[in-house]
C-alpha atoms as a PDB file:
ATOM      1  CA  UNK A   1       0.251   0.286  -0.313  1.00  0.00           C
ATOM      2  CA  UNK A   2       1.332   3.818  -0.618  1.00  0.00           C
ATOM      3  CA  UNK A   3       1.023   6.527   0.449  1.00  0.00           C
ATOM      4  CA  UNK A   4       1.962   8.985  -2.195  1.00  0.00           C
ATOM      5  CA  UNK A   5       0.393  10.833  -3.931  1.00  0.00           C
ATOM      6  CA  UNK A   6      -0.401  10.344  -7.677  1.00  0.00           C
ATOM      7  CA  UNK A   7       1.802  11.793 -10.321  1.00  0.00           C
ATOM      8  CA  UNK A   8      -0.473  11.284 -12.928  1.00  0.00           C
ATOM      9  CA  UNK A   9      -1.730  14.527 -14.158  1.00  0.00           C
ATOM     10  CA  UNK A  10      -5.541  15.636 -13.579  1.00  0.00           C
ATOM     11  CA  UNK A  11      -6.333  14.262 -17.717  1.00  0.00           C
ATOM     12  CA  UNK A  12      -4.950  11.343 -17.399  1.00  0.00           C
ATOM     13  CA  UNK A  13      -6.565  10.758 -13.697  1.00  0.00           C
ATOM     14  CA  UNK A  14      -9.727  11.563 -15.143  1.00  0.00           C
ATOM     15  CA  UNK A  15      -9.341   9.614 -17.987  1.00  0.00           C
ATOM     16  CA  UNK A  16      -8.524   6.007 -15.636  1.00  0.00           C
ATOM     17  CA  UNK A  17     -12.049   7.123 -13.850  1.00  0.00           C
ATOM     18  CA  UNK A  18     -13.605   6.881 -16.971  1.00  0.00           C
ATOM     19  CA  UNK A  19     -12.093   3.624 -17.933  1.00  0.00           C
ATOM     20  CA  UNK A  20     -12.769   2.238 -14.520  1.00  0.00           C
ATOM     21  CA  UNK A  21     -16.388   2.992 -14.798  1.00  0.00           C
ATOM     22  CA  UNK A  22     -16.297   1.915 -18.356  1.00  0.00           C
ATOM     23  CA  UNK A  23     -14.943  -1.891 -17.278  1.00  0.00           C
ATOM     24  CA  UNK A  24     -17.677  -1.520 -14.389  1.00  0.00           C
ATOM     25  CA  UNK A  25     -20.531  -1.095 -16.701  1.00  0.00           C
ATOM     26  CA  UNK A  26     -19.162  -4.027 -19.515  1.00  0.00           C
ATOM     27  CA  UNK A  27     -18.548  -6.283 -16.233  1.00  0.00           C
ATOM     28  CA  UNK A  28     -22.238  -5.913 -15.142  1.00  0.00           C
ATOM     29  CA  UNK A  29     -23.310  -6.031 -18.908  1.00  0.00           C
ATOM     30  CA  UNK A  30     -21.691  -8.979 -19.516  1.00  0.00           C
ATOM     31  CA  UNK A  31     -23.129 -11.128 -16.520  1.00  0.00           C
ATOM     32  CA  UNK A  32     -26.258  -9.938 -18.261  1.00  0.00           C
ATOM     33  CA  UNK A  33     -25.554 -11.311 -21.555  1.00  0.00           C
ATOM     34  CA  UNK A  34     -24.461 -14.338 -19.935  1.00  0.00           C
ATOM     35  CA  UNK A  35     -28.194 -14.916 -18.022  1.00  0.00           C
ATOM     36  CA  UNK A  36     -29.365 -14.504 -22.085  1.00  0.00           C
ATOM     37  CA  UNK A  37     -26.736 -16.966 -23.691  1.00  0.00           C
ATOM     38  CA  UNK A  38     -28.316 -19.160 -21.134  1.00  0.00           C
ATOM     39  CA  UNK A  39     -31.299 -18.257 -21.397  1.00  0.00           C
ATOM     40  CA  UNK A  40     -31.471 -18.842 -25.197  1.00  0.00           C
ATOM     41  CA  UNK A  41     -29.865 -22.240 -25.038  1.00  0.00           C
ATOM     42  CA  UNK A  42     -32.340 -23.603 -22.771  1.00  0.00           C
ATOM     43  CA  UNK A  43     -35.564 -22.082 -25.182  1.00  0.00           C
ATOM     44  CA  UNK A  44     -33.566 -23.746 -27.888  1.00  0.00           C
ATOM     45  CA  UNK A  45     -33.364 -26.392 -26.349  1.00  0.00           C
ATOM     46  CA  UNK A  46     -36.877 -26.573 -25.256  1.00  0.00           C
ATOM     47  CA  UNK A  47     -36.128 -26.508 -22.014  1.00  0.00           C
ATOM     48  CA  UNK A  48     -38.352 -24.679 -20.168  1.00  0.00           C
ATOM     49  CA  UNK A  49     -38.781 -25.357 -16.450  1.00  0.00           C
ATOM     50  CA  UNK A  50     -35.699 -23.418 -14.998  1.00  0.00           C
ATOM     51  CA  UNK A  51     -34.321 -19.991 -15.341  1.00  0.00           C
ATOM     52  CA  UNK A  52     -30.385 -18.734 -16.304  1.00  0.00           C
ATOM     53  CA  UNK A  53     -29.651 -17.792 -13.008  1.00  0.00           C
ATOM     54  CA  UNK A  54     -30.931 -21.488 -11.469  1.00  0.00           C
ATOM     55  CA  UNK A  55     -29.165 -23.470 -14.612  1.00  0.00           C
ATOM     56  CA  UNK A  56     -25.226 -21.041 -13.376  1.00  0.00           C
ATOM     57  CA  UNK A  57     -25.963 -22.251  -9.700  1.00  0.00           C
ATOM     58  CA  UNK A  58     -26.344 -26.050 -10.776  1.00  0.00           C
ATOM     59  CA  UNK A  59     -23.135 -25.609 -12.760  1.00  0.00           C
ATOM     60  CA  UNK A  60     -21.665 -24.236 -10.657  1.00  0.00           C
ATOM     61  CA  UNK A  61     -22.373 -26.502  -7.663  1.00  0.00           C
ATOM     62  CA  UNK A  62     -21.670 -29.670 -10.262  1.00  0.00           C
ATOM     63  CA  UNK A  63     -20.425 -32.399  -7.624  1.00  0.00           C
ATOM     64  CA  UNK A  64     -20.259 -30.633  -4.535  1.00  0.00           C
ATOM     65  CA  UNK A  65     -22.884 -31.145  -1.634  1.00  0.00           C
ATOM     66  CA  UNK A  66     -23.114 -27.736   0.298  1.00  0.00           C
ATOM     67  CA  UNK A  67     -25.323 -25.580   2.637  1.00  0.00           C
ATOM     68  CA  UNK A  68     -27.413 -22.293   1.454  1.00  0.00           C
ATOM     69  CA  UNK A  69     -25.329 -20.072   3.469  1.00  0.00           C
ATOM     70  CA  UNK A  70     -22.226 -21.676   1.321  1.00  0.00           C
ATOM     71  CA  UNK A  71     -23.143 -20.850  -1.665  1.00  0.00           C
ATOM     72  CA  UNK A  72     -22.673 -17.128  -2.024  1.00  0.00           C
ATOM     73  CA  UNK A  73     -19.322 -17.619   0.309  1.00  0.00           C
ATOM     74  CA  UNK A  74     -18.001 -20.225  -2.325  1.00  0.00           C
ATOM     75  CA  UNK A  75     -18.713 -17.870  -4.902  1.00  0.00           C
ATOM     76  CA  UNK A  76     -21.756 -20.597  -6.730  1.00  0.00           C
ATOM     77  CA  UNK A  77     -24.130 -17.755  -6.082  1.00  0.00           C
ATOM     78  CA  UNK A  78     -24.742 -14.579  -7.298  1.00  0.00           C
ATOM     79  CA  UNK A  79     -28.492 -13.372  -6.830  1.00  0.00           C
ATOM     80  CA  UNK A  80     -30.298 -12.496  -3.926  1.00  0.00           C
ATOM     81  CA  UNK A  81     -32.862 -14.681  -3.411  1.00  0.00           C
ATOM     82  CA  UNK A  82     -30.824 -17.979  -2.708  1.00  0.00           C
ATOM     83  CA  UNK A  83     -34.314 -19.339  -0.854  1.00  0.00           C
ATOM     84  CA  UNK A  84     -36.499 -18.928  -3.253  1.00  0.00           C
ATOM     85  CA  UNK A  85     -33.983 -20.299  -6.585  1.00  0.00           C
ATOM     86  CA  UNK A  86     -33.564 -23.626  -3.832  1.00  0.00           C
ATOM     87  CA  UNK A  87     -37.130 -24.062  -3.373  1.00  0.00           C
ATOM     88  CA  UNK A  88     -37.769 -24.132  -7.037  1.00  0.00           C
ATOM     89  CA  UNK A  89     -35.133 -26.430  -8.085  1.00  0.00           C
ATOM     90  CA  UNK A  90     -35.876 -28.633  -5.158  1.00  0.00           C
ATOM     91  CA  UNK A  91     -39.433 -28.771  -6.034  1.00  0.00           C
ATOM     92  CA  UNK A  92     -39.090 -29.219  -9.946  1.00  0.00           C
ATOM     93  CA  UNK A  93     -36.158 -31.776  -9.150  1.00  0.00           C
ATOM     94  CA  UNK A  94     -33.096 -30.806  -9.754  1.00  0.00           C
ATOM     95  CA  UNK A  95     -32.145 -30.325  -6.357  1.00  0.00           C
ATOM     96  CA  UNK A  96     -31.863 -32.674  -3.244  1.00  0.00           C
ATOM     97  CA  UNK A  97     -32.278 -31.416   0.080  1.00  0.00           C
ATOM     98  CA  UNK A  98     -31.431 -32.134   3.805  1.00  0.00           C
ATOM     99  CA  UNK A  99     -31.004 -31.499   7.261  1.00  0.00           C
ATOM    100  CA  UNK A 100     -27.428 -31.633   8.664  1.00  0.00           C
ATOM    101  CA  UNK A 101     -26.670 -33.901  11.077  1.00  0.00           C
ATOM    102  CA  UNK A 102     -24.599 -31.376  12.856  1.00  0.00           C
ATOM    103  CA  UNK A 103     -26.429 -28.388  12.728  1.00  0.00           C
ATOM    104  CA  UNK A 104     -30.217 -29.320  12.260  1.00  0.00           C
ATOM    105  CA  UNK A 105     -30.412 -25.603  11.236  1.00  0.00           C
ATOM    106  CA  UNK A 106     -28.472 -25.990   8.099  1.00  0.00           C
ATOM    107  CA  UNK A 107     -29.755 -27.523   5.155  1.00  0.00           C
ATOM    108  CA  UNK A 108     -27.475 -29.436   2.557  1.00  0.00           C
ATOM    109  CA  UNK A 109     -27.978 -29.443  -0.779  1.00  0.00           C
ATOM    110  CA  UNK A 110     -26.945 -31.570  -4.232  1.00  0.00           C
ATOM    111  CA  UNK A 111     -27.749 -32.436  -7.589  1.00  0.00           C
ATOM    112  CA  UNK A 112     -30.230 -34.824  -8.666  1.00  0.00           C
ATOM    113  CA  UNK A 113     -29.470 -36.590 -12.238  1.00  0.00           C
ATOM    114  CA  UNK A 114     -31.968 -34.180 -13.361  1.00  0.00           C
ATOM    115  CA  UNK A 115     -30.280 -31.713 -12.052  1.00  0.00           C
ATOM    116  CA  UNK A 116     -26.271 -33.025 -13.397  1.00  0.00           C
ATOM    117  CA  UNK A 117     -28.688 -32.974 -16.979  1.00  0.00           C
ATOM    118  CA  UNK A 118     -28.785 -29.265 -16.962  1.00  0.00           C
ATOM    119  CA  UNK A 119     -24.939 -28.734 -15.267  1.00  0.00           C
ATOM    120  CA  UNK A 120     -23.744 -31.179 -18.591  1.00  0.00           C
ATOM    121  CA  UNK A 121     -26.017 -28.951 -21.040  1.00  0.00           C
ATOM    122  CA  UNK A 122     -24.259 -25.490 -19.748  1.00  0.00           C
ATOM    123  CA  UNK A 123     -21.041 -27.521 -18.960  1.00  0.00           C
ATOM    124  CA  UNK A 124     -21.375 -27.816 -22.876  1.00  0.00           C
ATOM    125  CA  UNK A 125     -22.136 -24.381 -24.270  1.00  0.00           C
ATOM    126  CA  UNK A 126     -19.072 -22.817 -22.310  1.00  0.00           C
ATOM    127  CA  UNK A 127     -16.996 -25.636 -24.090  1.00  0.00           C
ATOM    128  CA  UNK A 128     -18.478 -24.636 -27.520  1.00  0.00           C
ATOM    129  CA  UNK A 129     -18.250 -20.799 -26.284  1.00  0.00           C
ATOM    130  CA  UNK A 130     -14.672 -21.325 -25.839  1.00  0.00           C
ATOM    131  CA  UNK A 131     -14.197 -23.284 -28.406  1.00  0.00           C
ATOM    132  CA  UNK A 132     -15.878 -20.225 -30.885  1.00  0.00           C
ATOM    133  CA  UNK A 133     -13.806 -17.764 -28.644  1.00  0.00           C
ATOM    134  CA  UNK A 134     -10.245 -19.305 -29.926  1.00  0.00           C
ATOM    135  CA  UNK A 135     -11.047 -20.175 -33.453  1.00  0.00           C
ATOM    136  CA  UNK A 136     -12.139 -16.798 -34.217  1.00  0.00           C
ATOM    137  CA  UNK A 137      -9.568 -15.210 -32.984  1.00  0.00           C
ATOM    138  CA  UNK A 138     -11.687 -12.965 -30.462  1.00  0.00           C
ATOM    139  CA  UNK A 139      -9.522 -14.144 -27.548  1.00  0.00           C
ATOM    140  CA  UNK A 140      -6.544 -16.674 -27.140  1.00  0.00           C
ATOM    141  CA  UNK A 141      -5.123 -18.628 -23.835  1.00  0.00           C
ATOM    142  CA  UNK A 142      -2.904 -15.448 -22.921  1.00  0.00           C
ATOM    143  CA  UNK A 143      -5.866 -12.734 -23.069  1.00  0.00           C
ATOM    144  CA  UNK A 144      -8.255 -14.960 -21.268  1.00  0.00           C
ATOM    145  CA  UNK A 145      -5.281 -15.214 -18.511  1.00  0.00           C
ATOM    146  CA  UNK A 146      -4.951 -11.708 -18.800  1.00  0.00           C
ATOM    147  CA  UNK A 147      -8.614 -11.031 -17.958  1.00  0.00           C
ATOM    148  CA  UNK A 148      -8.923 -13.564 -15.119  1.00  0.00           C
ATOM    149  CA  UNK A 149      -5.620 -12.128 -13.457  1.00  0.00           C
ATOM    150  CA  UNK A 150      -6.798  -8.130 -14.116  1.00  0.00           C
ATOM    151  CA  UNK A 151     -10.472  -9.533 -12.763  1.00  0.00           C
ATOM    152  CA  UNK A 152      -8.718 -11.467  -9.792  1.00  0.00           C
ATOM    153  CA  UNK A 153      -6.743  -8.162  -8.802  1.00  0.00           C
ATOM    154  CA  UNK A 154      -9.848  -6.420  -9.192  1.00  0.00           C
ATOM    155  CA  UNK A 155     -11.769  -8.489  -6.367  1.00  0.00           C
ATOM    156  CA  UNK A 156      -9.015  -8.695  -3.987  1.00  0.00           C
ATOM    157  CA  UNK A 157      -8.941  -5.125  -3.663  1.00  0.00           C
ATOM    158  CA  UNK A 158     -12.820  -4.769  -3.433  1.00  0.00           C
ATOM    159  CA  UNK A 159     -12.436  -7.560  -1.062  1.00  0.00           C
ATOM    160  CA  UNK A 160      -9.791  -5.080   1.350  1.00  0.00           C
ATOM    161  CA  UNK A 161     -12.103  -2.476   0.496  1.00  0.00           C
ATOM    162  CA  UNK A 162     -14.605  -4.217   2.377  1.00  0.00           C
ATOM    163  CA  UNK A 163     -12.443  -5.340   5.451  1.00  0.00           C
ATOM    164  CA  UNK A 164     -11.716  -1.948   6.208  1.00  0.00           C
ATOM    165  CA  UNK A 165     -14.712  -0.692   6.820  1.00  0.00           C
ATOM    166  CA  UNK A 166     -15.892  -3.068   9.365  1.00  0.00           C
END
């Protein structure tokens, strides 16, 4: 951490802030587009009883068995209404739930065979997109590594900012 003042000119500082705001907007748009891409794939396949947020949740859980509380802390779920989506996934047969033996308040969830089928559909979609990005020259391995590395640094910075609040 540095306590030195920025040596950037006011114009450079304004340009950086503008770029930062543009990056934030892009991250937000990309997340919404991802949901649209998943939704469109499911509509194309005639799978209409699950939404994109729920499908991504199933994909991210994969073969793990987790509690509802762990979904956010492990980064499996980015939405705001975990309970609603878990309830719908259990009702539609994509997920099983069971009270934890140690802590009866906690509920552990895992995918059913039907849920693993959805996970596989999303995984195949992502594999096709990865191949397409590379084969069309949109992004190669170095580009993916650079983006991932940069986003991880932003994630660490934001996490540190939250920690300093408390």
